[in-house]
Amino acid sequence: MSTSIQLKQMLTSINRKSYPAYKSLKGSYDFGTHVLIIDHVQGDPFASPSHLSVRVSGRQAGFPDFCFASSDTRITLQDLILRKFEEQIRSYSFRAKGSGKSGLITSTVCGQEILERTACEITAKEVILRFCVGFPANGRTINAQELEKILFDFLPVCVKKALYYKNLNPKEVEAAIFLAEDQAYIRRELKKRNLAAFVADNAILPRQSGVSQKPMKNSVPFSSPASLRVEMQLPHKGTITGMGIPVGITLIAGGGYHGKSTLLNALEAGVYNHIRGDGREYVITDDTALKLRSEDGRFIKDVDISMFINDLPNKKDTHCFSTLDASGSTSQAAGIAEGIEAGIQLLLLDEDTSATNFMVRDTFMQQVISREKEPITPFLERAGDLFEQAGISTILVAGSSGAFFHIADTIIQMDNYHALDITKKVKAMCKDFPLTASDASPFHLPQAKRIMTAPPVKRDAYKELKLKTHSKDSFSIGKETVDLRYIEQLADQEQTAALGELLKYAREHLIDNKKTVSQIVEALETKLENQGLGSVCSSSYTPCGLARPRKQEIYSCFNRYRR
């Protein structure tokens, strides 16, 4: 490891040379308060910026032991440090001048969710922050004096203000850690109390807009119906009350624009912890929950959809079904089968984004089109079996078909954003509107059969497996684009980037035309748990810009890869 003095000498020696001379700076430098590592140097001032990291020993950082009591508190501390660091460097970005991206200083901009990210990592020995810097140049001539400003003047200030506990507000750190422990407590209570989800009283569920996940101002605070209200004694906040949604089948009904989808959206986001001030800090959902919708045109390979679809006119086998262009109903049937393989315990559905013929067939339609002529067993007739025989609960938003009232264990009406428990009232009315008796075929769990296939990766396959993240909704690997638009619980583009890295790693190391999707994903989960996201990166260093997705999203991504 070199010293900061040697780095300054190197900068002086390459000043005004051509841009490639910057590559000589790669390496580690001891600044006393921190170690600076230059991991990757950009090719020219207009290219993607250089990757850097700083490391501060745990002893120097000085964070108290309670911050490391669990993985939840550690991830929360990483999130807090990263937010502080990004706030600091933002004020210095582009204060060093030059061409192209010269002077850019950037790191991850966190959203409302608390995610495990490569941009900040805390190990047993040190705190690591990763970020990007545009190395300054005039044209393509090195301007080392401007880079010296960044590395010697700007960066040390940011490091001291964000990575040293003594320079942070201890009450703010404590509040973040205590919130994480309270959220973990609620998740444990869900299982103990047989609840699928919990929505705290006074939670703010509406968001500012479709492009902002910040809480809407002047919105109606959530209030639980008395019959569903539960009380919890949190370790730090103390007594908290809210709506406990029991396991089983829950129907959310109500008129249009009264808050049905707003509640469901909060529940689907409740698989993640949220920061203080989000409004949904205490909206906690079973962390295996899967939000599912119809997905016309999706790729499906070797999925057992026979639980829902059988006896196709073309005699195609639905126990091992494949298609390049699925219908809405077929995509939902496949999504549930794949979700069961991914270990879900809760399904989240919205009638508005579901295939109507997959969800329900009314009595008149059953009279016109007999069971023998209809290959689809609707979800209405399978939801009870999914819970009773597979332990999978359902929370469903419905606004048009009353058939779901008959199978629901709990019925919540949203009335002008106020939740009402109307279960008893509706169950009494159901007697006047009986359902046609179901003659569905016997229930059975789907059997996972898909084996991922791919040609062997050649040594010079950089172009073949080149990764590019387009947005939160898609990435490309080689010539193929993986469409993730309908995986609605992806919270951050960095999760999409991580999915690309995971798929690339699987292509290079795990896919052997023998392993199933389940075997591959479980191997990846074990690797992530033991070695972190950096262990699957295709680069020689761990970049900033990756966030860990849930296991359910990894399955969803791999099942949409056309191999």
Protein backbone atom coordinates (compact mmCIF):
# COMPACT_ATOMS: atom_id res chain seq x y z
CA MET A 1 0.00 0.00 0.00
CA SER A 2 1.26 3.46 -0.94
CA THR A 3 0.91 6.65 1.09
CA SER A 4 -1.12 9.74 0.31
CA ILE A 5 2.17 11.63 -0.18
CA GLN A 6 3.18 9.17 -2.90
CA LEU A 7 -0.21 9.62 -4.56
CA LYS A 8 0.29 13.38 -4.62
CA GLN A 9 3.72 12.88 -6.22
CA MET A 10 2.22 10.59 -8.84
CA LEU A 11 -0.44 13.17 -9.65
CA THR A 12 2.26 15.79 -10.16
CA SER A 13 4.22 13.49 -12.45
CA ILE A 14 1.28 12.73 -14.79
CA ASN A 15 -0.15 16.26 -14.93
CA ARG A 16 -0.81 17.37 -18.54
CA LYS A 17 -0.07 13.94 -19.94
CA SER A 18 -2.55 12.10 -22.14
CA TYR A 19 -5.56 10.66 -20.35
CA PRO A 20 -4.45 6.96 -20.28
CA ALA A 21 -1.68 7.92 -17.85
CA TYR A 22 -4.37 8.08 -15.14
CA LYS A 23 -4.39 4.26 -15.15
CA SER A 24 -1.07 4.30 -13.30
CA LEU A 25 -2.97 5.51 -10.22
CA LYS A 26 -4.79 2.20 -9.66
CA GLY A 27 -4.03 0.92 -6.17
CA SER A 28 -4.44 1.66 -2.46
CA TYR A 29 -3.33 4.78 -0.57
CA ASP A 30 -3.21 5.36 3.18
CA PHE A 31 -4.52 8.79 4.21
CA GLY A 32 -4.35 8.08 7.94
CA THR A 33 -8.05 8.73 8.54
CA HIS A 34 -8.98 6.33 5.72
CA VAL A 35 -7.58 4.18 2.95
CA LEU A 36 -8.41 5.25 -0.59
CA ILE A 37 -8.59 2.57 -3.30
CA ILE A 38 -8.73 3.45 -6.98
CA ASP A 39 -10.36 0.31 -8.36
CA HIS A 40 -10.97 1.24 -11.99
CA VAL A 41 -9.96 4.21 -14.13
CA GLN A 42 -12.17 5.38 -16.98
CA GLY A 43 -10.81 5.33 -20.52
CA ASP A 44 -11.45 9.02 -21.28
CA PRO A 45 -13.22 11.97 -19.63
CA PHE A 46 -16.45 11.24 -21.54
CA ALA A 47 -16.66 7.58 -20.51
CA SER A 48 -18.37 6.14 -17.44
CA PRO A 49 -16.61 7.60 -14.39
CA SER A 50 -13.85 5.85 -12.44
CA HIS A 51 -14.68 3.52 -9.53
CA LEU A 52 -13.18 4.34 -6.11
CA SER A 53 -13.69 3.13 -2.57
CA VAL A 54 -12.66 4.25 0.89
CA ARG A 55 -12.12 2.02 3.91
CA VAL A 56 -12.16 3.07 7.54
CA SER A 57 -11.27 0.61 10.27
CA GLY A 58 -14.05 -0.30 12.68
CA ARG A 59 -11.98 1.07 15.55
CA GLN A 60 -11.61 4.47 13.87
CA ALA A 61 -15.26 4.61 12.77
CA GLY A 62 -16.28 4.01 16.38
CA PHE A 63 -19.86 2.81 15.93
CA PRO A 64 -21.29 1.24 19.12
CA ASP A 65 -21.90 -2.49 19.39
CA PHE A 66 -25.70 -2.19 19.36
CA CYS A 67 -25.47 -1.21 15.68
CA PHE A 68 -24.24 -4.72 14.85
CA ALA A 69 -26.69 -6.77 16.91
CA SER A 70 -28.22 -8.41 13.81
CA SER A 71 -28.10 -8.34 10.03
CA ASP A 72 -31.11 -5.97 10.08
CA THR A 73 -29.31 -3.39 12.23
CA ARG A 74 -26.08 -3.74 10.21
CA ILE A 75 -27.92 -3.17 6.91
CA THR A 76 -29.75 -0.21 8.45
CA LEU A 77 -26.46 1.32 9.58
CA GLN A 78 -24.99 0.81 6.10
CA ASP A 79 -28.04 2.57 4.64
CA LEU A 80 -27.72 5.49 7.05
CA ILE A 81 -23.99 5.96 6.39
CA LEU A 82 -24.55 5.79 2.64
CA ARG A 83 -27.28 8.43 2.76
CA LYS A 84 -25.00 10.73 4.81
CA PHE A 85 -22.07 10.18 2.44
CA GLU A 86 -24.16 10.80 -0.70
CA GLU A 87 -25.51 13.99 0.87
CA GLN A 88 -21.94 15.19 1.46
CA ILE A 89 -20.47 14.36 -1.94
CA ARG A 90 -23.44 15.87 -3.77
CA SER A 91 -22.34 19.31 -2.62
CA TYR A 92 -18.84 18.78 -4.10
CA SER A 93 -19.82 17.25 -7.44
CA PHE A 94 -18.49 19.19 -10.45
CA ARG A 95 -16.66 21.72 -8.26
CA ALA A 96 -13.51 20.39 -9.91
CA LYS A 97 -13.63 21.52 -13.55
CA GLY A 98 -12.84 19.96 -16.89
CA SER A 99 -14.24 18.25 -19.98
CA GLY A 100 -17.00 15.63 -20.11
CA LYS A 101 -17.61 14.01 -16.73
CA SER A 102 -14.63 15.76 -15.13
CA GLY A 103 -15.37 16.56 -11.48
CA LEU A 104 -18.42 14.33 -11.18
CA ILE A 105 -18.64 12.67 -7.73
CA THR A 106 -21.54 10.31 -7.29
CA SER A 107 -22.74 7.37 -5.27
CA THR A 108 -26.00 5.50 -4.76
CA VAL A 109 -29.07 7.65 -4.20
CA CYS A 110 -31.24 5.59 -1.84
CA GLY A 111 -35.01 5.46 -2.05
CA GLN A 112 -37.55 4.91 0.70
CA GLU A 113 -36.64 1.25 1.18
CA ILE A 114 -33.67 0.01 3.20
CA LEU A 115 -31.73 -2.39 0.99
CA GLU A 116 -28.41 -4.18 1.25
CA ARG A 117 -26.14 -2.45 -1.28
CA THR A 118 -22.57 -2.73 -2.49
CA ALA A 119 -22.18 1.06 -2.16
CA CYS A 120 -21.72 0.64 1.59
CA GLU A 121 -20.51 -2.51 3.30
CA ILE A 122 -19.61 -3.11 6.93
CA THR A 123 -17.44 -6.10 7.75
CA ALA A 124 -16.05 -7.30 11.06
CA LYS A 125 -13.00 -5.08 10.56
CA GLU A 126 -14.00 -2.01 8.55
CA VAL A 127 -16.54 0.25 6.88
CA ILE A 128 -16.31 0.38 3.07
CA LEU A 129 -17.88 3.04 0.85
CA ARG A 130 -17.88 2.76 -2.95
CA PHE A 131 -18.51 5.64 -5.32
CA CYS A 132 -17.61 7.08 -8.73
CA VAL A 133 -15.46 10.06 -9.72
CA GLY A 134 -14.97 11.66 -13.12
CA PHE A 135 -11.21 12.15 -13.36
CA PRO A 136 -10.65 15.72 -14.61
CA ALA A 137 -9.12 16.59 -17.96
CA ASN A 138 -8.90 19.47 -20.38
CA GLY A 139 -9.93 17.81 -23.61
CA ARG A 140 -8.07 14.53 -23.20
CA THR A 141 -5.15 16.03 -21.30
CA ILE A 142 -4.90 15.20 -17.59
CA ASN A 143 -5.71 17.98 -15.15
CA ALA A 144 -4.17 16.42 -12.03
CA GLN A 145 -4.55 19.56 -9.94
CA GLU A 146 -8.33 19.28 -10.12
CA LEU A 147 -8.22 15.57 -9.18
CA GLU A 148 -5.97 16.50 -6.26
CA LYS A 149 -8.72 18.83 -5.02
CA ILE A 150 -11.20 15.95 -5.07
CA LEU A 151 -8.98 13.38 -3.39
CA PHE A 152 -7.20 15.59 -0.87
CA ASP A 153 -9.64 18.42 -0.13
CA PHE A 154 -13.22 17.28 -0.83
CA LEU A 155 -13.18 13.54 -0.08
CA PRO A 156 -11.55 13.60 3.41
CA VAL A 157 -14.24 16.03 4.59
CA CYS A 158 -17.01 13.75 3.29
CA VAL A 159 -15.41 10.68 4.90
CA LYS A 160 -15.06 12.32 8.31
CA LYS A 161 -18.64 13.62 8.31
CA ALA A 162 -20.26 10.35 7.19
CA LEU A 163 -18.09 7.47 8.42
CA TYR A 164 -17.13 8.60 11.91
CA TYR A 165 -19.73 8.02 14.61
CA LYS A 166 -18.47 10.98 16.64
CA ASN A 167 -19.42 13.32 13.77
CA LEU A 168 -22.95 11.97 13.39
CA ASN A 169 -26.00 12.73 15.49
CA PRO A 170 -26.07 9.80 17.97
CA LYS A 171 -29.83 10.13 18.46
CA GLU A 172 -30.38 9.81 14.70
CA VAL A 173 -28.24 6.67 14.57
CA GLU A 174 -30.02 5.23 17.59
CA ALA A 175 -33.45 6.00 16.13
CA ALA A 176 -32.61 4.22 12.85
CA ILE A 177 -31.26 1.13 14.63
CA PHE A 178 -34.16 1.00 17.08
CA LEU A 179 -36.65 1.26 14.19
CA ALA A 180 -34.96 -1.69 12.46
CA GLU A 181 -35.27 -3.77 15.64
CA ASP A 182 -38.94 -2.82 16.00
CA GLN A 183 -39.60 -3.77 12.37
CA ALA A 184 -37.87 -7.13 12.88
CA TYR A 185 -39.99 -7.69 15.98
CA ILE A 186 -43.21 -7.12 14.01
CA ARG A 187 -42.07 -9.60 11.34
CA ARG A 188 -41.55 -12.24 14.02
CA GLU A 189 -44.94 -11.43 15.52
CA LEU A 190 -46.66 -11.98 12.17
CA LYS A 191 -45.63 -15.63 12.26
CA LYS A 192 -46.47 -16.06 15.96
CA ARG A 193 -49.93 -14.53 15.56
CA ASN A 194 -50.80 -16.14 12.19
CA LEU A 195 -50.93 -12.78 10.45
CA ALA A 196 -50.16 -12.17 6.78
CA ALA A 197 -49.54 -8.44 7.29
CA PHE A 198 -49.76 -5.55 9.73
CA VAL A 199 -50.71 -1.93 8.96
CA ALA A 200 -50.12 0.47 11.83
CA ASP A 201 -52.66 3.06 12.87
CA ASN A 202 -51.73 6.54 11.57
CA ALA A 203 -49.61 5.09 8.75
CA ILE A 204 -49.52 7.29 5.65
CA LEU A 205 -50.16 5.00 2.68
CA PRO A 206 -50.67 7.32 -0.37
CA ARG A 207 -47.58 8.41 -2.26
CA GLN A 208 -46.86 11.82 -3.78
CA SER A 209 -47.13 10.59 -7.37
CA GLY A 210 -46.37 7.73 -9.73
CA VAL A 211 -42.74 8.88 -9.93
CA SER A 212 -42.22 9.71 -6.24
CA GLN A 213 -42.46 7.25 -3.38
CA LYS A 214 -42.41 9.98 -0.75
CA PRO A 215 -45.55 10.25 1.41
CA MET A 216 -48.40 12.41 0.16
CA LYS A 217 -48.99 15.51 2.24
CA ASN A 218 -52.38 16.04 3.88
CA SER A 219 -53.47 12.46 3.18
CA VAL A 220 -55.83 10.46 5.40
CA PRO A 221 -53.92 8.53 8.08
CA PHE A 222 -54.76 4.84 8.22
CA SER A 223 -57.03 3.63 10.98
CA SER A 224 -57.72 -0.04 11.69
CA PRO A 225 -61.23 -1.43 12.07
CA ALA A 226 -61.77 -2.27 15.73
CA SER A 227 -62.42 -5.95 14.95
CA LEU A 228 -59.04 -6.34 13.24
CA ARG A 229 -57.01 -4.10 15.54
CA VAL A 230 -54.10 -5.79 17.26
CA GLU A 231 -51.69 -4.39 19.82
CA MET A 232 -47.97 -5.01 19.94
CA GLN A 233 -45.40 -4.04 22.54
CA LEU A 234 -42.35 -3.09 20.48
CA PRO A 235 -38.88 -3.19 22.09
CA HIS A 236 -38.27 0.53 21.60
CA LYS A 237 -41.37 2.37 20.40
CA GLY A 238 -43.53 0.69 23.01
CA THR A 239 -47.22 0.05 22.43
CA ILE A 240 -48.38 0.19 18.82
CA THR A 241 -51.77 -0.67 17.37
CA GLY A 242 -52.89 -1.40 13.85
CA MET A 243 -54.73 -3.74 11.52
CA GLY A 244 -53.59 -7.33 11.61
CA ILE A 245 -54.60 -9.14 8.42
CA PRO A 246 -55.07 -12.82 9.31
CA VAL A 247 -53.67 -15.61 7.18
CA GLY A 248 -56.23 -17.10 4.80
CA ILE A 249 -58.12 -15.30 2.05
CA THR A 250 -58.59 -11.56 2.50
CA LEU A 251 -60.67 -9.47 0.12
CA ILE A 252 -60.19 -5.70 -0.17
CA ALA A 253 -63.33 -4.19 -1.69
CA GLY A 254 -64.80 -0.73 -2.18
CA GLY A 255 -65.64 1.84 -4.80
CA GLY A 256 -63.19 3.23 -7.30
CA TYR A 257 -60.64 5.77 -5.98
CA HIS A 258 -61.40 4.90 -2.34
CA GLY A 259 -57.95 3.46 -1.56
CA LYS A 260 -58.10 -0.27 -2.38
CA SER A 261 -55.03 -0.30 -4.61
CA THR A 262 -53.25 2.16 -2.31
CA LEU A 263 -53.56 -0.34 0.53
CA LEU A 264 -52.40 -3.20 -1.69
CA ASN A 265 -49.42 -1.18 -2.93
CA ALA A 266 -48.39 -0.49 0.65
CA LEU A 267 -48.65 -4.20 1.45
CA GLU A 268 -46.54 -5.23 -1.54
CA ALA A 269 -43.86 -2.74 -0.47
CA GLY A 270 -44.12 -4.03 3.11
CA VAL A 271 -41.75 -6.89 2.27
CA TYR A 272 -39.00 -4.25 2.74
CA ASN A 273 -38.20 -2.07 5.75
CA HIS A 274 -38.71 1.66 5.19
CA ILE A 275 -36.89 4.68 6.54
CA ARG A 276 -38.21 6.98 9.27
CA GLY A 277 -40.64 9.53 7.89
CA ASP A 278 -41.80 7.32 5.02
CA GLY A 279 -45.24 6.85 6.56
CA ARG A 280 -45.08 3.07 6.01
CA GLU A 281 -42.39 2.31 8.62
CA TYR A 282 -44.79 0.00 10.42
CA VAL A 283 -46.50 -1.52 7.39
CA ILE A 284 -45.02 -5.00 7.51
CA THR A 285 -45.92 -7.87 5.17
CA ASP A 286 -44.86 -11.52 5.12
CA ASP A 287 -41.45 -11.20 3.49
CA THR A 288 -42.15 -14.01 1.00
CA ALA A 289 -45.20 -12.20 -0.43
CA LEU A 290 -45.51 -12.15 -4.23
CA LYS A 291 -47.48 -9.51 -6.14
CA LEU A 292 -48.73 -11.17 -9.31
CA ARG A 293 -50.45 -9.85 -12.42
CA SER A 294 -51.26 -11.04 -15.93
CA GLU A 295 -48.39 -10.73 -18.36
CA ASP A 296 -49.42 -11.19 -21.97
CA GLY A 297 -46.56 -12.29 -24.19
CA ARG A 298 -44.34 -13.68 -21.44
CA PHE A 299 -41.93 -16.53 -21.98
CA ILE A 300 -42.73 -19.74 -20.08
CA LYS A 301 -40.65 -22.90 -20.08
CA ASP A 302 -41.46 -26.31 -18.55
CA VAL A 303 -43.89 -25.07 -15.88
CA ASP A 304 -46.60 -27.25 -14.34
CA ILE A 305 -49.75 -25.15 -14.76
CA SER A 306 -52.13 -28.13 -14.54
CA MET A 307 -53.51 -26.86 -11.23
CA PHE A 308 -55.28 -24.15 -13.25
CA ILE A 309 -55.20 -25.22 -16.91
CA ASN A 310 -55.93 -28.69 -18.28
CA ASP A 311 -57.35 -30.50 -21.31
CA LEU A 312 -56.29 -27.99 -23.94
CA PRO A 313 -57.95 -28.51 -27.35
CA ASN A 314 -54.55 -29.13 -28.96
CA LYS A 315 -53.80 -31.79 -26.31
CA LYS A 316 -50.71 -29.89 -25.18
CA ASP A 317 -49.29 -31.17 -21.88
CA THR A 318 -49.88 -28.61 -19.12
CA HIS A 319 -47.85 -30.58 -16.56
CA CYS A 320 -44.72 -29.35 -18.38
CA PHE A 321 -45.92 -26.35 -20.33
CA SER A 322 -43.83 -24.03 -22.52
CA THR A 323 -44.70 -21.07 -24.73
CA LEU A 324 -42.91 -18.07 -26.20
CA ASP A 325 -46.05 -15.93 -26.06
CA ALA A 326 -48.29 -16.63 -23.05
CA SER A 327 -51.83 -15.36 -22.68
CA GLY A 328 -52.85 -13.39 -19.59
CA SER A 329 -54.43 -16.39 -17.89
CA THR A 330 -51.55 -18.72 -18.74
CA SER A 331 -49.00 -16.21 -17.44
CA GLN A 332 -50.81 -15.94 -14.10
CA ALA A 333 -51.10 -19.71 -13.77
CA ALA A 334 -47.36 -20.01 -14.44
CA GLY A 335 -46.59 -17.14 -12.06
CA ILE A 336 -48.33 -18.89 -9.17
CA ALA A 337 -46.60 -22.21 -9.91
CA GLU A 338 -43.23 -20.45 -10.05
CA GLY A 339 -44.06 -18.56 -6.85
CA ILE A 340 -44.76 -21.81 -5.03
CA GLU A 341 -41.32 -23.03 -6.12
CA ALA A 342 -39.85 -19.78 -4.75
CA GLY A 343 -41.36 -20.47 -1.32
CA ILE A 344 -44.11 -17.85 -1.17
CA GLN A 345 -46.59 -17.86 1.72
CA LEU A 346 -48.69 -14.92 0.49
CA LEU A 347 -50.16 -13.94 -2.88
CA LEU A 348 -51.13 -10.34 -3.62
CA LEU A 349 -53.55 -9.84 -6.51
CA ASP A 350 -55.47 -6.93 -7.99
CA GLU A 351 -58.50 -7.73 -10.10
CA ASP A 352 -57.71 -4.73 -12.34
CA THR A 353 -54.39 -6.23 -13.47
CA SER A 354 -55.48 -9.85 -13.60
CA ALA A 355 -56.88 -11.88 -16.49
CA THR A 356 -60.65 -12.01 -15.97
CA ASN A 357 -61.06 -15.58 -17.25
CA PHE A 358 -58.30 -16.74 -14.92
CA MET A 359 -59.89 -15.20 -11.83
CA VAL A 360 -63.57 -16.16 -12.09
CA ARG A 361 -66.34 -17.61 -14.28
CA ASP A 362 -69.81 -16.46 -13.31
CA THR A 363 -72.84 -18.74 -13.13
CA PHE A 364 -74.31 -17.66 -16.46
CA MET A 365 -71.01 -18.24 -18.28
CA GLN A 366 -70.79 -21.71 -16.73
CA GLN A 367 -74.27 -22.45 -18.07
CA VAL A 368 -73.39 -21.27 -21.57
CA ILE A 369 -69.89 -22.81 -21.72
CA SER A 370 -69.82 -26.12 -19.89
CA ARG A 371 -66.91 -27.28 -17.76
CA GLU A 372 -65.94 -29.84 -20.42
CA LYS A 373 -65.35 -27.02 -22.90
CA GLU A 374 -63.36 -24.76 -20.55
CA PRO A 375 -59.76 -25.79 -19.75
CA ILE A 376 -59.27 -23.10 -17.09
CA THR A 377 -60.02 -23.77 -13.44
CA PRO A 378 -60.39 -20.20 -12.13
CA PHE A 379 -58.45 -18.86 -9.17
CA LEU A 380 -61.77 -18.51 -7.34
CA GLU A 381 -61.93 -22.31 -7.11
CA ARG A 382 -58.29 -22.80 -6.13
CA ALA A 383 -57.65 -20.06 -3.55
CA GLY A 384 -59.09 -22.12 -0.69
CA ASP A 385 -56.99 -25.15 -1.61
CA LEU A 386 -53.86 -23.03 -1.84
CA PHE A 387 -54.31 -21.96 1.76
CA GLU A 388 -55.64 -25.18 3.27
CA GLN A 389 -53.23 -27.56 1.55
CA ALA A 390 -50.20 -25.40 0.77
CA GLY A 391 -50.40 -22.72 3.48
CA ILE A 392 -50.45 -19.89 0.91
CA SER A 393 -52.67 -16.94 1.88
CA THR A 394 -54.19 -14.49 -0.58
CA ILE A 395 -54.91 -10.77 -0.33
CA LEU A 396 -57.06 -9.75 -3.28
CA VAL A 397 -58.39 -6.38 -4.42
CA ALA A 398 -61.76 -6.81 -6.13
CA GLY A 399 -64.24 -4.23 -7.33
CA SER A 400 -66.43 -5.91 -9.93
CA SER A 401 -67.12 -9.57 -9.11
CA GLY A 402 -69.01 -10.48 -5.97
CA ALA A 403 -68.08 -14.15 -6.29
CA PHE A 404 -64.94 -13.62 -4.21
CA PHE A 405 -67.00 -12.66 -1.17
CA HIS A 406 -68.00 -16.31 -0.83
CA ILE A 407 -64.45 -17.62 -0.43
CA ALA A 408 -63.03 -14.76 1.65
CA ASP A 409 -62.23 -15.28 5.31
CA THR A 410 -61.81 -11.54 5.90
CA ILE A 411 -63.45 -8.72 3.93
CA ILE A 412 -62.14 -5.15 4.24
CA GLN A 413 -63.99 -2.26 2.64
CA MET A 414 -62.02 0.86 1.80
CA ASP A 415 -64.31 3.87 2.12
CA ASN A 416 -62.62 7.20 1.36
CA TYR A 417 -59.30 5.70 2.58
CA HIS A 418 -60.93 4.42 5.80
CA ALA A 419 -60.80 0.65 6.38
CA LEU A 420 -63.99 -1.11 7.52
CA ASP A 421 -64.39 -4.78 8.45
CA ILE A 422 -67.58 -5.89 6.66
CA THR A 423 -67.01 -9.65 6.92
CA LYS A 424 -70.08 -10.52 9.01
CA LYS A 425 -72.39 -8.25 7.03
CA VAL A 426 -71.29 -9.66 3.66
CA LYS A 427 -71.29 -13.29 4.79
CA ALA A 428 -74.95 -12.90 5.78
CA MET A 429 -75.74 -11.49 2.33
CA CYS A 430 -73.91 -14.33 0.56
CA LYS A 431 -76.78 -16.67 1.44
CA ASP A 432 -78.99 -14.75 -0.98
CA PHE A 433 -76.45 -15.00 -3.81
CA PRO A 434 -75.22 -18.60 -3.77
CA LEU A 435 -72.33 -19.74 -5.93
CA THR A 436 -72.63 -22.63 -8.34
CA ALA A 437 -71.07 -25.68 -6.72
CA SER A 438 -67.47 -26.17 -7.79
CA ASP A 439 -66.57 -29.27 -9.74
CA ALA A 440 -62.89 -28.50 -10.04
CA SER A 441 -60.43 -31.35 -10.44
CA PRO A 442 -58.57 -32.48 -7.29
CA PHE A 443 -55.91 -30.05 -6.06
CA HIS A 444 -52.23 -30.92 -6.37
CA LEU A 445 -49.09 -28.86 -5.96
CA PRO A 446 -47.12 -28.18 -9.13
CA GLN A 447 -43.90 -30.10 -9.69
CA ALA A 448 -40.90 -27.96 -10.73
CA LYS A 449 -39.27 -29.39 -13.84
CA ARG A 450 -37.44 -26.58 -15.58
CA ILE A 451 -33.77 -27.18 -16.25
CA MET A 452 -31.93 -24.08 -17.40
CA THR A 453 -29.99 -24.58 -20.61
CA ALA A 454 -27.30 -22.48 -22.20
CA PRO A 455 -24.34 -23.05 -24.51
CA PRO A 456 -20.96 -23.25 -22.77
CA VAL A 457 -19.35 -19.88 -22.15
CA LYS A 458 -16.20 -19.36 -24.20
CA ARG A 459 -13.15 -17.63 -22.82
CA ASP A 460 -13.57 -14.73 -25.22
CA ALA A 461 -17.30 -14.41 -24.51
CA TYR A 462 -17.19 -10.82 -23.19
CA LYS A 463 -19.45 -9.56 -25.95
CA GLU A 464 -21.74 -12.56 -25.75
CA LEU A 465 -22.45 -11.98 -22.05
CA LYS A 466 -22.00 -8.22 -21.88
CA LEU A 467 -24.40 -6.73 -19.33
CA LYS A 468 -26.33 -3.49 -19.62
CA THR A 469 -29.03 -2.28 -17.23
CA HIS A 470 -31.58 -0.19 -19.11
CA SER A 471 -33.85 0.80 -16.22
CA LYS A 472 -35.55 -0.78 -13.23
CA ASP A 473 -37.65 -2.70 -15.75
CA SER A 474 -35.07 -4.48 -17.88
CA PHE A 475 -31.46 -5.41 -18.56
CA SER A 476 -29.72 -7.07 -21.48
CA ILE A 477 -27.26 -9.93 -21.34
CA GLY A 478 -25.54 -10.45 -24.66
CA LYS A 479 -28.16 -10.00 -27.35
CA GLU A 480 -31.12 -10.86 -25.14
CA THR A 481 -33.19 -8.41 -23.12
CA VAL A 482 -34.79 -9.68 -19.91
CA ASP A 483 -38.11 -7.90 -19.38
CA LEU A 484 -38.93 -7.29 -15.70
CA ARG A 485 -41.72 -4.73 -16.12
CA TYR A 486 -44.29 -6.84 -14.34
CA ILE A 487 -42.13 -7.84 -11.38
CA GLU A 488 -43.75 -5.12 -9.35
CA GLN A 489 -41.85 -5.60 -6.08
CA LEU A 490 -38.51 -4.59 -7.55
CA ALA A 491 -37.91 -1.38 -5.65
CA ASP A 492 -34.68 -0.06 -7.17
CA GLN A 493 -32.73 -0.10 -10.42
CA GLU A 494 -29.74 -1.39 -8.46
CA GLN A 495 -31.69 -4.59 -7.76
CA THR A 496 -32.16 -5.00 -11.51
CA ALA A 497 -28.42 -4.51 -12.04
CA ALA A 498 -27.76 -7.18 -9.40
CA LEU A 499 -30.16 -9.58 -11.13
CA GLY A 500 -28.12 -9.13 -14.29
CA GLU A 501 -24.92 -9.97 -12.41
CA LEU A 502 -26.57 -13.02 -10.82
CA LEU A 503 -27.78 -14.30 -14.18
CA LYS A 504 -24.36 -13.74 -15.75
CA TYR A 505 -22.68 -15.58 -12.88
CA ALA A 506 -25.15 -18.45 -13.25
CA ARG A 507 -24.43 -18.62 -16.99
CA GLU A 508 -20.70 -18.81 -16.36
CA HIS A 509 -20.61 -21.10 -13.31
CA LEU A 510 -23.90 -22.87 -12.56
CA ILE A 511 -26.01 -23.54 -15.65
CA ASP A 512 -24.88 -26.94 -16.90
CA ASN A 513 -28.02 -28.27 -18.63
CA LYS A 514 -28.64 -30.45 -15.56
CA LYS A 515 -29.51 -28.16 -12.65
CA THR A 516 -33.06 -26.92 -12.14
CA VAL A 517 -33.92 -23.27 -11.61
CA SER A 518 -34.47 -24.05 -7.93
CA GLN A 519 -31.03 -25.63 -7.51
CA ILE A 520 -29.35 -22.68 -9.22
CA VAL A 521 -31.21 -20.01 -7.24
CA GLU A 522 -30.61 -21.78 -3.93
CA ALA A 523 -26.88 -22.01 -4.73
CA LEU A 524 -26.84 -18.27 -5.47
CA GLU A 525 -28.73 -17.47 -2.26
CA THR A 526 -26.16 -19.42 -0.24
CA LYS A 527 -23.33 -17.59 -1.95
CA LEU A 528 -24.91 -14.18 -1.35
CA GLU A 529 -25.54 -15.02 2.30
CA ASN A 530 -21.98 -16.17 2.91
CA GLN A 531 -19.95 -13.89 0.61
CA GLY A 532 -22.14 -10.93 -0.32
CA LEU A 533 -23.08 -9.35 -3.64
CA GLY A 534 -19.47 -8.71 -4.58
CA SER A 535 -18.90 -12.45 -4.95
CA VAL A 536 -21.01 -12.63 -8.13
CA CYS A 537 -19.67 -9.49 -9.83
CA SER A 538 -18.14 -9.99 -13.24
CA SER A 539 -15.57 -7.22 -12.71
CA SER A 540 -12.29 -7.66 -10.85
CA TYR A 541 -13.56 -5.30 -8.14
CA THR A 542 -16.88 -4.80 -6.37
CA PRO A 543 -18.64 -1.81 -7.94
CA CYS A 544 -21.12 0.48 -6.30
CA GLY A 545 -24.55 0.30 -7.91
CA LEU A 546 -25.87 -3.12 -6.86
CA ALA A 547 -28.66 -3.86 -4.35
CA ARG A 548 -29.66 -7.32 -3.19
CA PRO A 549 -32.99 -8.56 -4.58
CA ARG A 550 -35.21 -11.00 -2.71
CA LYS A 551 -35.15 -14.68 -3.59
CA GLN A 552 -38.61 -14.31 -5.15
CA GLU A 553 -37.30 -11.70 -7.61
CA ILE A 554 -34.33 -13.90 -8.52
CA TYR A 555 -36.72 -16.72 -9.40
CA SER A 556 -38.94 -14.31 -11.36
CA CYS A 557 -35.96 -13.00 -13.32
CA PHE A 558 -34.53 -16.42 -14.16
CA ASN A 559 -37.95 -17.72 -15.21
CA ARG A 560 -38.18 -14.89 -17.76
CA TYR A 561 -34.79 -15.65 -19.29
CA ARG A 562 -35.36 -17.34 -22.62
CA ARG A 563 -32.98 -20.29 -22.17
